[in-house]
Amino acid sequence: MLPEPNRLHRARDFSVVMRRGRRMGRSNLVVHAVARGEQGIASTVHGPRFGLIVSKAVGPAVTRHRVARRLRHICTDVLGELTETTDVVIRALPGAAGATSADLSIQLRSGLKKLGLLEAPKGPPS
């Protein structure tokens, strides 16, 4: 489970990341990221923060919640690899409903790597 301090809650924080941050599209996800210090965002929070957007286009409620749970679990795995001042918003696209957790993990890591936030994408353990 993603710890409470590592979650984005306020609509203002989501808006700042979406509007001022950089974005990278993947086949089932769009990853938006911004550094809090660069954009004048409150820096009293320590550690990277994640926000999820899973719209009705992804599917019915059960499907959306399943996708969100998978993404939260993946974000927990990525926490230690990001700088403390990073805010990330992940927007799930309709294809995320049929994607496996491993595919979503690879796509998230790939997007973060392209944004210069991770060293290299990691696949599922072999």
C-alpha atoms as a PDB file:
ATOM      1  CA  MET A   1       0.000   0.000   0.000  1.00  0.00           C
ATOM      2  CA  LEU A   2       1.241   3.485  -0.804  1.00  0.00           C
ATOM      3  CA  PRO A   3       1.974   5.380   2.458  1.00  0.00           C
ATOM      4  CA  GLU A   4      -0.198   8.411   3.188  1.00  0.00           C
ATOM      5  CA  PRO A   5       2.641  10.999   3.026  1.00  0.00           C
ATOM      6  CA  ASN A   6       3.458   9.778  -0.490  1.00  0.00           C
ATOM      7  CA  ARG A   7       0.029  10.521  -1.967  1.00  0.00           C
ATOM      8  CA  LEU A   8      -1.257  13.613  -3.723  1.00  0.00           C
ATOM      9  CA  HIS A   9      -4.673  14.613  -2.361  1.00  0.00           C
ATOM     10  CA  ARG A  10      -5.413  18.236  -3.210  1.00  0.00           C
ATOM     11  CA  ALA A  11      -6.774  19.202  -6.602  1.00  0.00           C
ATOM     12  CA  ARG A  12      -4.309  22.108  -6.642  1.00  0.00           C
ATOM     13  CA  ASP A  13      -1.352  19.726  -6.413  1.00  0.00           C
ATOM     14  CA  PHE A  14      -2.717  17.610  -9.264  1.00  0.00           C
ATOM     15  CA  SER A  15      -3.224  20.757 -11.362  1.00  0.00           C
ATOM     16  CA  VAL A  16       0.322  21.999 -10.760  1.00  0.00           C
ATOM     17  CA  VAL A  17       1.829  18.660 -11.782  1.00  0.00           C
ATOM     18  CA  MET A  18      -0.399  18.371 -14.864  1.00  0.00           C
ATOM     19  CA  ARG A  19       0.103  21.956 -16.063  1.00  0.00           C
ATOM     20  CA  ARG A  20       3.684  22.780 -15.105  1.00  0.00           C
ATOM     21  CA  GLY A  21       5.288  19.367 -15.152  1.00  0.00           C
ATOM     22  CA  ARG A  22       6.720  17.350 -17.997  1.00  0.00           C
ATOM     23  CA  ARG A  23       4.815  14.407 -19.415  1.00  0.00           C
ATOM     24  CA  MET A  24       5.649  11.197 -21.182  1.00  0.00           C
ATOM     25  CA  GLY A  25       3.068   9.001 -22.867  1.00  0.00           C
ATOM     26  CA  ARG A  26       3.208   5.226 -22.961  1.00  0.00           C
ATOM     27  CA  SER A  27       0.725   2.797 -24.502  1.00  0.00           C
ATOM     28  CA  ASN A  28      -1.460   2.462 -21.376  1.00  0.00           C
ATOM     29  CA  LEU A  29      -0.271   5.353 -19.175  1.00  0.00           C
ATOM     30  CA  VAL A  30       0.642   9.010 -19.300  1.00  0.00           C
ATOM     31  CA  VAL A  31       3.218   9.987 -16.671  1.00  0.00           C
ATOM     32  CA  HIS A  32       3.363  13.626 -15.522  1.00  0.00           C
ATOM     33  CA  ALA A  33       6.166  14.735 -13.173  1.00  0.00           C
ATOM     34  CA  VAL A  34       7.470  17.920 -11.591  1.00  0.00           C
ATOM     35  CA  ALA A  35      10.006  18.823  -8.900  1.00  0.00           C
ATOM     36  CA  ARG A  36       8.356  20.694  -6.021  1.00  0.00           C
ATOM     37  CA  GLY A  37      11.235  23.146  -5.560  1.00  0.00           C
ATOM     38  CA  GLU A  38      11.168  24.230  -9.225  1.00  0.00           C
ATOM     39  CA  GLN A  39       7.495  25.170  -9.331  1.00  0.00           C
ATOM     40  CA  GLY A  40       6.987  26.872  -5.978  1.00  0.00           C
ATOM     41  CA  ILE A  41       5.024  23.944  -4.578  1.00  0.00           C
ATOM     42  CA  ALA A  42       5.012  23.577  -0.803  1.00  0.00           C
ATOM     43  CA  SER A  43       8.180  21.735   0.105  1.00  0.00           C
ATOM     44  CA  THR A  44       7.235  20.869   3.690  1.00  0.00           C
ATOM     45  CA  VAL A  45       6.473  17.335   2.534  1.00  0.00           C
ATOM     46  CA  HIS A  46       9.369  14.884   2.442  1.00  0.00           C
ATOM     47  CA  GLY A  47       9.519  12.101  -0.089  1.00  0.00           C
ATOM     48  CA  PRO A  48       8.096  11.666  -3.580  1.00  0.00           C
ATOM     49  CA  ARG A  49       4.328  11.893  -3.960  1.00  0.00           C
ATOM     50  CA  PHE A  50       2.069  10.083  -6.424  1.00  0.00           C
ATOM     51  CA  GLY A  51      -1.404  10.819  -7.703  1.00  0.00           C
ATOM     52  CA  LEU A  52      -3.578   8.608  -9.889  1.00  0.00           C
ATOM     53  CA  ILE A  53      -6.195   9.496 -12.467  1.00  0.00           C
ATOM     54  CA  VAL A  54      -8.292   6.535 -13.579  1.00  0.00           C
ATOM     55  CA  SER A  55     -11.307   7.829 -15.524  1.00  0.00           C
ATOM     56  CA  LYS A  56     -14.516   6.083 -16.527  1.00  0.00           C
ATOM     57  CA  ALA A  57     -12.992   5.523 -19.961  1.00  0.00           C
ATOM     58  CA  VAL A  58     -10.875   2.764 -18.366  1.00  0.00           C
ATOM     59  CA  GLY A  59     -13.984   0.761 -17.503  1.00  0.00           C
ATOM     60  CA  PRO A  60     -16.613   0.206 -14.834  1.00  0.00           C
ATOM     61  CA  ALA A  61     -15.882   0.863 -11.162  1.00  0.00           C
ATOM     62  CA  VAL A  62     -14.523  -2.616 -10.418  1.00  0.00           C
ATOM     63  CA  THR A  63     -12.042  -2.352 -13.296  1.00  0.00           C
ATOM     64  CA  ARG A  64     -10.992   1.200 -12.367  1.00  0.00           C
ATOM     65  CA  HIS A  65     -10.343   0.202  -8.753  1.00  0.00           C
ATOM     66  CA  ARG A  66      -8.320  -2.837  -9.865  1.00  0.00           C
ATOM     67  CA  VAL A  67      -6.159  -0.632 -12.109  1.00  0.00           C
ATOM     68  CA  ALA A  68      -5.697   1.911  -9.297  1.00  0.00           C
ATOM     69  CA  ARG A  69      -4.661  -0.804  -6.814  1.00  0.00           C
ATOM     70  CA  ARG A  70      -2.109  -2.153  -9.275  1.00  0.00           C
ATOM     71  CA  LEU A  71      -0.698   1.310  -9.915  1.00  0.00           C
ATOM     72  CA  ARG A  72      -0.457   2.087  -6.169  1.00  0.00           C
ATOM     73  CA  HIS A  73       1.469  -1.135  -5.635  1.00  0.00           C
ATOM     74  CA  ILE A  74       3.842  -0.283  -8.497  1.00  0.00           C
ATOM     75  CA  CYS A  75       4.344   3.229  -7.080  1.00  0.00           C
ATOM     76  CA  THR A  76       5.329   1.687  -3.736  1.00  0.00           C
ATOM     77  CA  ASP A  77       8.083  -0.250  -5.514  1.00  0.00           C
ATOM     78  CA  VAL A  78       9.377   2.924  -7.224  1.00  0.00           C
ATOM     79  CA  LEU A  79       9.354   5.157  -4.104  1.00  0.00           C
ATOM     80  CA  GLY A  80      12.953   4.586  -3.092  1.00  0.00           C
ATOM     81  CA  GLU A  81      14.281   5.304  -6.575  1.00  0.00           C
ATOM     82  CA  LEU A  82      12.930   8.862  -6.917  1.00  0.00           C
ATOM     83  CA  THR A  83      14.211  12.082  -5.388  1.00  0.00           C
ATOM     84  CA  GLU A  84      12.353  13.424  -2.366  1.00  0.00           C
ATOM     85  CA  THR A  85      11.049  16.490  -4.199  1.00  0.00           C
ATOM     86  CA  THR A  86       9.310  14.690  -7.057  1.00  0.00           C
ATOM     87  CA  ASP A  87       5.548  14.755  -7.619  1.00  0.00           C
ATOM     88  CA  VAL A  88       4.162  12.287 -10.152  1.00  0.00           C
ATOM     89  CA  VAL A  89       0.650  11.975 -11.576  1.00  0.00           C
ATOM     90  CA  ILE A  90      -0.170   8.817 -13.506  1.00  0.00           C
ATOM     91  CA  ARG A  91      -3.136   8.959 -15.878  1.00  0.00           C
ATOM     92  CA  ALA A  92      -4.393   5.523 -16.872  1.00  0.00           C
ATOM     93  CA  LEU A  93      -5.562   5.144 -20.458  1.00  0.00           C
ATOM     94  CA  PRO A  94      -8.341   2.712 -21.485  1.00  0.00           C
ATOM     95  CA  GLY A  95      -5.823  -0.002 -22.407  1.00  0.00           C
ATOM     96  CA  ALA A  96      -4.631  -0.166 -18.784  1.00  0.00           C
ATOM     97  CA  ALA A  97      -7.670  -2.293 -17.924  1.00  0.00           C
ATOM     98  CA  GLY A  98      -6.337  -5.190 -19.992  1.00  0.00           C
ATOM     99  CA  ALA A  99      -2.653  -4.725 -19.174  1.00  0.00           C
ATOM    100  CA  THR A 100      -0.844  -6.917 -16.682  1.00  0.00           C
ATOM    101  CA  SER A 101       0.806  -5.463 -13.595  1.00  0.00           C
ATOM    102  CA  ALA A 102       4.203  -6.260 -15.117  1.00  0.00           C
ATOM    103  CA  ASP A 103       3.318  -4.292 -18.268  1.00  0.00           C
ATOM    104  CA  LEU A 104       2.130  -1.314 -16.220  1.00  0.00           C
ATOM    105  CA  SER A 105       5.308  -1.423 -14.133  1.00  0.00           C
ATOM    106  CA  ILE A 106       7.525  -1.469 -17.214  1.00  0.00           C
ATOM    107  CA  GLN A 107       5.573   1.411 -18.766  1.00  0.00           C
ATOM    108  CA  LEU A 108       5.726   3.521 -15.598  1.00  0.00           C
ATOM    109  CA  ARG A 109       9.452   2.936 -15.173  1.00  0.00           C
ATOM    110  CA  SER A 110      10.037   3.649 -18.862  1.00  0.00           C
ATOM    111  CA  GLY A 111       8.125   6.926 -18.619  1.00  0.00           C
ATOM    112  CA  LEU A 112      10.038   7.981 -15.508  1.00  0.00           C
ATOM    113  CA  LYS A 113      13.328   7.058 -17.192  1.00  0.00           C
ATOM    114  CA  LYS A 114      12.471   9.160 -20.266  1.00  0.00           C
ATOM    115  CA  LEU A 115      11.718  12.064 -17.929  1.00  0.00           C
ATOM    116  CA  GLY A 116      15.169  11.602 -16.375  1.00  0.00           C
ATOM    117  CA  LEU A 117      13.902  10.462 -12.992  1.00  0.00           C
ATOM    118  CA  LEU A 118      15.072   6.817 -13.036  1.00  0.00           C
ATOM    119  CA  GLU A 119      18.293   5.171 -14.130  1.00  0.00           C
ATOM    120  CA  ALA A 120      16.882   2.356 -16.261  1.00  0.00           C
ATOM    121  CA  PRO A 121      13.534   0.587 -16.632  1.00  0.00           C
ATOM    122  CA  LYS A 122      13.296  -2.662 -14.715  1.00  0.00           C
ATOM    123  CA  GLY A 123      11.118  -5.525 -15.821  1.00  0.00           C
ATOM    124  CA  PRO A 124       9.602  -8.181 -13.627  1.00  0.00           C
ATOM    125  CA  PRO A 125      12.106 -10.310 -11.687  1.00  0.00           C
ATOM    126  CA  SER A 126      13.339 -13.295 -13.666  1.00  0.00           C
END
